[in-house]
Amino acid sequence: MLVMYPRHRDREVTMQISKAVARVLFFTGALVYLAGLWYSCPLLSGKGYFLGVLMTGTFVTYSYLRAERFSNIDETFSRICQFVALLTVGLLFLGVRNAPINVYEMVIYPVAFFVSIFGQIKLMRAE
């Protein structure tokens, strides 16, 4: 029979709460970003553009954090991930600036994008 000490149990509960909060942040950010831009952009090409930006951002974050977890990061890989992340953020701001949306939506959608990426980072680090 395994006896759990109170401190160990508290740490386990804290980790479970941390994972749940990270999942909520990731899915809420992605949902607000995609649903909002889906209704705001009239053309299918605009919808695909913003979906591609989100997928590129999540992929580069996932691949970097996975390599970091297994200690397989070299300088070239790190620089490529940084370049792709900066390129993704630049494309996000360029697309939001040129999209036919209101000024407050120009703020909400990048914030939702960054909340989604932050949730993904917290989720990967919590595991």
N, C-alpha and C. Protein backbone atom coordinates (compact mmCIF):
# COMPACT_ATOMS: atom_id res chain seq x y z
N MET A 1 0.84 -1.18 0.00
CA MET A 1 0.00 0.00 0.00
C MET A 1 0.88 1.24 0.00
N LEU A 2 0.60 2.13 -0.89
CA LEU A 2 1.37 3.35 -1.03
C LEU A 2 0.77 4.44 -0.15
N VAL A 3 1.58 4.96 0.73
CA VAL A 3 1.12 6.03 1.61
C VAL A 3 1.64 7.34 1.04
N MET A 4 0.72 8.24 0.77
CA MET A 4 1.11 9.54 0.21
C MET A 4 1.18 10.55 1.34
N TYR A 5 2.28 11.19 1.44
CA TYR A 5 2.43 12.22 2.44
C TYR A 5 1.72 13.48 1.97
N PRO A 6 1.28 14.32 2.88
CA PRO A 6 0.51 15.51 2.48
C PRO A 6 1.24 16.41 1.49
N ARG A 7 2.54 16.56 1.64
CA ARG A 7 3.27 17.43 0.71
C ARG A 7 3.29 16.85 -0.69
N HIS A 8 3.46 15.55 -0.78
CA HIS A 8 3.47 14.90 -2.09
C HIS A 8 2.10 15.00 -2.75
N ARG A 9 1.06 14.83 -1.97
CA ARG A 9 -0.30 14.91 -2.49
C ARG A 9 -0.60 16.34 -2.95
N ASP A 10 -0.15 17.34 -2.18
CA ASP A 10 -0.36 18.73 -2.57
C ASP A 10 0.37 19.05 -3.87
N ARG A 11 1.56 18.52 -4.03
CA ARG A 11 2.32 18.75 -5.26
C ARG A 11 1.62 18.11 -6.45
N GLU A 12 1.06 16.93 -6.24
CA GLU A 12 0.35 16.24 -7.32
C GLU A 12 -0.92 17.01 -7.71
N VAL A 13 -1.64 17.50 -6.74
CA VAL A 13 -2.85 18.28 -7.02
C VAL A 13 -2.48 19.58 -7.73
N THR A 14 -1.40 20.20 -7.31
CA THR A 14 -0.95 21.43 -7.96
C THR A 14 -0.58 21.17 -9.41
N MET A 15 0.07 20.06 -9.69
CA MET A 15 0.44 19.72 -11.07
C MET A 15 -0.81 19.45 -11.91
N GLN A 16 -1.80 18.78 -11.35
CA GLN A 16 -3.04 18.53 -12.09
C GLN A 16 -3.76 19.83 -12.39
N ILE A 17 -3.80 20.74 -11.44
CA ILE A 17 -4.44 22.04 -11.67
C ILE A 17 -3.66 22.82 -12.72
N SER A 18 -2.34 22.76 -12.65
CA SER A 18 -1.51 23.47 -13.62
C SER A 18 -1.75 22.95 -15.04
N LYS A 19 -1.86 21.64 -15.19
CA LYS A 19 -2.14 21.06 -16.50
C LYS A 19 -3.52 21.46 -17.00
N ALA A 20 -4.50 21.47 -16.11
CA ALA A 20 -5.86 21.85 -16.51
C ALA A 20 -5.92 23.31 -16.94
N VAL A 21 -5.24 24.18 -16.21
CA VAL A 21 -5.22 25.60 -16.57
C VAL A 21 -4.51 25.79 -17.91
N ALA A 22 -3.42 25.06 -18.13
CA ALA A 22 -2.70 25.16 -19.39
C ALA A 22 -3.56 24.70 -20.56
N ARG A 23 -4.31 23.62 -20.38
CA ARG A 23 -5.20 23.15 -21.44
C ARG A 23 -6.30 24.17 -21.74
N VAL A 24 -6.86 24.75 -20.68
CA VAL A 24 -7.90 25.77 -20.87
C VAL A 24 -7.34 26.97 -21.61
N LEU A 25 -6.15 27.42 -21.25
CA LEU A 25 -5.53 28.55 -21.94
C LEU A 25 -5.29 28.23 -23.41
N PHE A 26 -4.75 27.05 -23.69
CA PHE A 26 -4.44 26.67 -25.07
C PHE A 26 -5.71 26.59 -25.92
N PHE A 27 -6.70 25.86 -25.44
CA PHE A 27 -7.91 25.68 -26.25
C PHE A 27 -8.75 26.95 -26.33
N THR A 28 -8.81 27.73 -25.27
CA THR A 28 -9.56 28.98 -25.31
C THR A 28 -8.92 29.97 -26.26
N GLY A 29 -7.60 30.11 -26.19
CA GLY A 29 -6.90 31.01 -27.09
C GLY A 29 -7.07 30.61 -28.54
N ALA A 30 -6.91 29.33 -28.83
CA ALA A 30 -7.07 28.86 -30.20
C ALA A 30 -8.51 29.02 -30.68
N LEU A 31 -9.47 28.75 -29.82
CA LEU A 31 -10.88 28.87 -30.21
C LEU A 31 -11.26 30.32 -30.48
N VAL A 32 -10.84 31.23 -29.61
CA VAL A 32 -11.15 32.65 -29.83
C VAL A 32 -10.48 33.14 -31.11
N TYR A 33 -9.23 32.74 -31.31
CA TYR A 33 -8.49 33.15 -32.50
C TYR A 33 -9.17 32.64 -33.77
N LEU A 34 -9.44 31.34 -33.82
CA LEU A 34 -10.00 30.75 -35.04
C LEU A 34 -11.45 31.14 -35.27
N ALA A 35 -12.27 31.10 -34.24
CA ALA A 35 -13.69 31.43 -34.41
C ALA A 35 -13.86 32.90 -34.78
N GLY A 36 -13.11 33.77 -34.12
CA GLY A 36 -13.23 35.19 -34.43
C GLY A 36 -12.79 35.53 -35.83
N LEU A 37 -11.66 35.00 -36.23
CA LEU A 37 -11.17 35.30 -37.57
C LEU A 37 -11.97 34.56 -38.64
N TRP A 38 -12.58 33.44 -38.28
CA TRP A 38 -13.39 32.71 -39.25
C TRP A 38 -14.60 33.55 -39.66
N TYR A 39 -15.20 34.22 -38.70
CA TYR A 39 -16.36 35.05 -39.02
C TYR A 39 -15.97 36.42 -39.56
N SER A 40 -14.77 36.88 -39.25
CA SER A 40 -14.35 38.21 -39.69
C SER A 40 -13.85 38.22 -41.13
N CYS A 41 -13.18 37.17 -41.55
CA CYS A 41 -12.60 37.13 -42.90
C CYS A 41 -13.62 36.55 -43.87
N PRO A 42 -14.00 37.32 -44.89
CA PRO A 42 -15.01 36.82 -45.82
C PRO A 42 -14.48 35.78 -46.81
N LEU A 43 -13.20 35.84 -47.14
CA LEU A 43 -12.65 34.93 -48.14
C LEU A 43 -12.04 33.69 -47.50
N LEU A 44 -12.12 32.59 -48.22
CA LEU A 44 -11.55 31.34 -47.73
C LEU A 44 -10.03 31.43 -47.65
N SER A 45 -9.42 32.21 -48.53
CA SER A 45 -7.97 32.34 -48.49
C SER A 45 -7.50 33.03 -47.20
N GLY A 46 -8.27 33.99 -46.72
CA GLY A 46 -7.93 34.65 -45.45
C GLY A 46 -8.06 33.70 -44.28
N LYS A 47 -9.08 32.86 -44.32
CA LYS A 47 -9.27 31.88 -43.25
C LYS A 47 -8.11 30.88 -43.23
N GLY A 48 -7.71 30.44 -44.41
CA GLY A 48 -6.58 29.51 -44.50
C GLY A 48 -5.27 30.15 -44.07
N TYR A 49 -5.11 31.43 -44.38
CA TYR A 49 -3.91 32.16 -43.98
C TYR A 49 -3.77 32.17 -42.47
N PHE A 50 -4.84 32.53 -41.77
CA PHE A 50 -4.76 32.61 -40.31
C PHE A 50 -4.67 31.24 -39.67
N LEU A 51 -5.28 30.23 -40.28
CA LEU A 51 -5.13 28.86 -39.78
C LEU A 51 -3.68 28.41 -39.94
N GLY A 52 -3.08 28.74 -41.08
CA GLY A 52 -1.68 28.40 -41.31
C GLY A 52 -0.74 29.09 -40.33
N VAL A 53 -1.04 30.34 -40.01
CA VAL A 53 -0.22 31.06 -39.03
C VAL A 53 -0.31 30.38 -37.67
N LEU A 54 -1.51 29.99 -37.25
CA LEU A 54 -1.66 29.31 -35.96
C LEU A 54 -0.96 27.96 -35.96
N MET A 55 -1.09 27.20 -37.03
CA MET A 55 -0.45 25.89 -37.09
C MET A 55 1.07 26.01 -37.11
N THR A 56 1.59 27.00 -37.82
CA THR A 56 3.04 27.20 -37.85
C THR A 56 3.55 27.59 -36.47
N GLY A 57 2.84 28.47 -35.79
CA GLY A 57 3.24 28.87 -34.45
C GLY A 57 3.22 27.72 -33.46
N THR A 58 2.17 26.92 -33.50
CA THR A 58 2.10 25.80 -32.57
C THR A 58 3.13 24.72 -32.92
N PHE A 59 3.39 24.52 -34.21
CA PHE A 59 4.37 23.50 -34.60
C PHE A 59 5.78 23.89 -34.17
N VAL A 60 6.16 25.14 -34.41
CA VAL A 60 7.52 25.54 -34.04
C VAL A 60 7.69 25.52 -32.52
N THR A 61 6.66 25.88 -31.79
CA THR A 61 6.73 25.83 -30.32
C THR A 61 6.84 24.39 -29.84
N TYR A 62 6.03 23.51 -30.41
CA TYR A 62 6.06 22.10 -30.02
C TYR A 62 7.41 21.47 -30.34
N SER A 63 7.93 21.70 -31.54
CA SER A 63 9.18 21.06 -31.91
C SER A 63 10.35 21.57 -31.07
N TYR A 64 10.36 22.86 -30.76
CA TYR A 64 11.43 23.40 -29.92
C TYR A 64 11.36 22.85 -28.49
N LEU A 65 10.16 22.82 -27.92
CA LEU A 65 10.03 22.33 -26.54
C LEU A 65 10.29 20.83 -26.45
N ARG A 66 9.92 20.09 -27.48
CA ARG A 66 10.19 18.65 -27.48
C ARG A 66 11.69 18.39 -27.57
N ALA A 67 12.38 19.13 -28.42
CA ALA A 67 13.83 18.98 -28.51
C ALA A 67 14.50 19.42 -27.21
N GLU A 68 13.95 20.44 -26.59
CA GLU A 68 14.50 20.90 -25.31
C GLU A 68 14.32 19.84 -24.22
N ARG A 69 13.19 19.16 -24.24
CA ARG A 69 12.93 18.13 -23.23
C ARG A 69 13.92 16.97 -23.35
N PHE A 70 14.27 16.60 -24.59
CA PHE A 70 15.19 15.48 -24.79
C PHE A 70 16.63 15.93 -24.95
N SER A 71 16.91 17.20 -24.71
CA SER A 71 18.26 17.78 -24.77
C SER A 71 18.92 17.57 -26.13
N ASN A 72 18.15 17.74 -27.18
CA ASN A 72 18.67 17.60 -28.54
C ASN A 72 18.78 18.94 -29.26
N ILE A 73 18.97 20.01 -28.53
CA ILE A 73 19.00 21.33 -29.15
C ILE A 73 20.43 21.70 -29.50
N ASP A 74 20.66 21.97 -30.76
CA ASP A 74 21.92 22.56 -31.15
C ASP A 74 21.66 24.01 -31.58
N GLU A 75 22.71 24.73 -31.85
CA GLU A 75 22.56 26.16 -32.12
C GLU A 75 21.81 26.42 -33.42
N THR A 76 22.03 25.61 -34.43
CA THR A 76 21.35 25.80 -35.72
C THR A 76 19.85 25.59 -35.58
N PHE A 77 19.47 24.52 -34.89
CA PHE A 77 18.04 24.25 -34.69
C PHE A 77 17.38 25.37 -33.89
N SER A 78 18.06 25.85 -32.87
CA SER A 78 17.52 26.93 -32.06
C SER A 78 17.32 28.20 -32.88
N ARG A 79 18.28 28.53 -33.71
CA ARG A 79 18.16 29.74 -34.55
C ARG A 79 17.06 29.59 -35.60
N ILE A 80 16.91 28.41 -36.15
CA ILE A 80 15.83 28.19 -37.13
C ILE A 80 14.48 28.33 -36.45
N CYS A 81 14.33 27.77 -35.26
CA CYS A 81 13.06 27.90 -34.52
C CYS A 81 12.77 29.35 -34.18
N GLN A 82 13.78 30.10 -33.77
CA GLN A 82 13.59 31.52 -33.47
C GLN A 82 13.20 32.29 -34.72
N PHE A 83 13.83 31.99 -35.85
CA PHE A 83 13.50 32.67 -37.10
C PHE A 83 12.07 32.37 -37.53
N VAL A 84 11.68 31.11 -37.46
CA VAL A 84 10.32 30.74 -37.86
C VAL A 84 9.29 31.36 -36.91
N ALA A 85 9.60 31.42 -35.62
CA ALA A 85 8.68 32.05 -34.67
C ALA A 85 8.54 33.54 -34.96
N LEU A 86 9.63 34.23 -35.23
CA LEU A 86 9.56 35.65 -35.58
C LEU A 86 8.82 35.87 -36.89
N LEU A 87 9.06 35.00 -37.85
CA LEU A 87 8.36 35.09 -39.13
C LEU A 87 6.86 34.88 -38.94
N THR A 88 6.49 33.93 -38.10
CA THR A 88 5.08 33.67 -37.82
C THR A 88 4.41 34.86 -37.16
N VAL A 89 5.07 35.46 -36.19
CA VAL A 89 4.50 36.63 -35.52
C VAL A 89 4.39 37.80 -36.50
N GLY A 90 5.39 37.97 -37.34
CA GLY A 90 5.32 39.02 -38.35
C GLY A 90 4.17 38.81 -39.33
N LEU A 91 3.98 37.57 -39.77
CA LEU A 91 2.87 37.27 -40.67
C LEU A 91 1.52 37.46 -39.98
N LEU A 92 1.46 37.14 -38.69
CA LEU A 92 0.23 37.36 -37.93
C LEU A 92 -0.13 38.84 -37.91
N PHE A 93 0.83 39.68 -37.55
CA PHE A 93 0.55 41.12 -37.47
C PHE A 93 0.27 41.71 -38.85
N LEU A 94 0.95 41.24 -39.87
CA LEU A 94 0.69 41.71 -41.22
C LEU A 94 -0.71 41.32 -41.67
N GLY A 95 -1.11 40.08 -41.40
CA GLY A 95 -2.44 39.63 -41.78
C GLY A 95 -3.54 40.34 -41.02
N VAL A 96 -3.34 40.56 -39.72
CA VAL A 96 -4.35 41.26 -38.92
C VAL A 96 -4.46 42.71 -39.37
N ARG A 97 -3.33 43.30 -39.71
CA ARG A 97 -3.36 44.70 -40.16
C ARG A 97 -4.12 44.86 -41.47
N ASN A 98 -4.02 43.90 -42.36
CA ASN A 98 -4.67 43.99 -43.67
C ASN A 98 -6.04 43.34 -43.73
N ALA A 99 -6.47 42.71 -42.66
CA ALA A 99 -7.79 42.07 -42.64
C ALA A 99 -8.88 43.12 -42.46
N PRO A 100 -10.05 42.86 -43.02
CA PRO A 100 -11.16 43.83 -42.89
C PRO A 100 -11.88 43.67 -41.54
N ILE A 101 -11.19 44.02 -40.45
CA ILE A 101 -11.75 43.87 -39.11
C ILE A 101 -11.66 45.19 -38.36
N ASN A 102 -12.40 45.28 -37.27
CA ASN A 102 -12.41 46.49 -36.44
C ASN A 102 -11.10 46.62 -35.68
N VAL A 103 -10.90 47.81 -35.11
CA VAL A 103 -9.66 48.08 -34.39
C VAL A 103 -9.54 47.20 -33.15
N TYR A 104 -10.62 47.02 -32.40
CA TYR A 104 -10.52 46.19 -31.20
C TYR A 104 -10.29 44.73 -31.55
N GLU A 105 -10.76 44.29 -32.72
CA GLU A 105 -10.47 42.92 -33.15
C GLU A 105 -9.01 42.76 -33.54
N MET A 106 -8.38 43.86 -33.97
CA MET A 106 -6.95 43.80 -34.30
C MET A 106 -6.10 43.57 -33.06
N VAL A 107 -6.66 43.83 -31.90
CA VAL A 107 -5.96 43.58 -30.64
C VAL A 107 -6.33 42.21 -30.08
N ILE A 108 -7.59 41.84 -30.18
CA ILE A 108 -8.07 40.60 -29.56
C ILE A 108 -7.43 39.36 -30.20
N TYR A 109 -7.34 39.32 -31.52
CA TYR A 109 -6.87 38.10 -32.18
C TYR A 109 -5.38 37.83 -31.96
N PRO A 110 -4.49 38.82 -32.01
CA PRO A 110 -3.11 38.51 -31.63
C PRO A 110 -2.96 38.11 -30.16
N VAL A 111 -3.74 38.72 -29.28
CA VAL A 111 -3.69 38.33 -27.87
C VAL A 111 -4.15 36.88 -27.72
N ALA A 112 -5.21 36.49 -28.43
CA ALA A 112 -5.68 35.10 -28.38
C ALA A 112 -4.62 34.15 -28.92
N PHE A 113 -3.91 34.56 -29.97
CA PHE A 113 -2.82 33.75 -30.52
C PHE A 113 -1.74 33.53 -29.47
N PHE A 114 -1.33 34.60 -28.80
CA PHE A 114 -0.27 34.47 -27.80
C PHE A 114 -0.74 33.71 -26.56
N VAL A 115 -2.00 33.82 -26.20
CA VAL A 115 -2.54 33.03 -25.08
C VAL A 115 -2.50 31.55 -25.44
N SER A 116 -2.83 31.23 -26.68
CA SER A 116 -2.79 29.84 -27.13
C SER A 116 -1.36 29.29 -27.08
N ILE A 117 -0.41 30.07 -27.56
CA ILE A 117 0.99 29.64 -27.54
C ILE A 117 1.49 29.52 -26.09
N PHE A 118 1.11 30.47 -25.24
CA PHE A 118 1.50 30.42 -23.83
C PHE A 118 0.92 29.17 -23.16
N GLY A 119 -0.34 28.85 -23.45
CA GLY A 119 -0.95 27.65 -22.91
C GLY A 119 -0.24 26.39 -23.37
N GLN A 120 0.19 26.39 -24.63
CA GLN A 120 0.92 25.23 -25.15
C GLN A 120 2.27 25.09 -24.44
N ILE A 121 2.95 26.19 -24.22
CA ILE A 121 4.23 26.14 -23.52
C ILE A 121 4.05 25.63 -22.09
N LYS A 122 3.05 26.16 -21.39
CA LYS A 122 2.79 25.71 -20.02
C LYS A 122 2.40 24.23 -19.99
N LEU A 123 1.65 23.79 -20.97
CA LEU A 123 1.23 22.39 -21.02
C LEU A 123 2.42 21.47 -21.27
N MET A 124 3.31 21.87 -22.16
CA MET A 124 4.49 21.04 -22.44
C MET A 124 5.45 21.01 -21.25
N ARG A 125 5.56 22.12 -20.55
CA ARG A 125 6.47 22.17 -19.41
C ARG A 125 5.89 21.46 -18.19
N ALA A 126 4.57 21.36 -18.11
CA ALA A 126 3.93 20.72 -16.95
C ALA A 126 4.03 19.20 -17.02
N GLU A 127 4.23 18.67 -18.19
CA GLU A 127 4.29 17.21 -18.33
C GLU A 127 5.65 16.66 -18.03
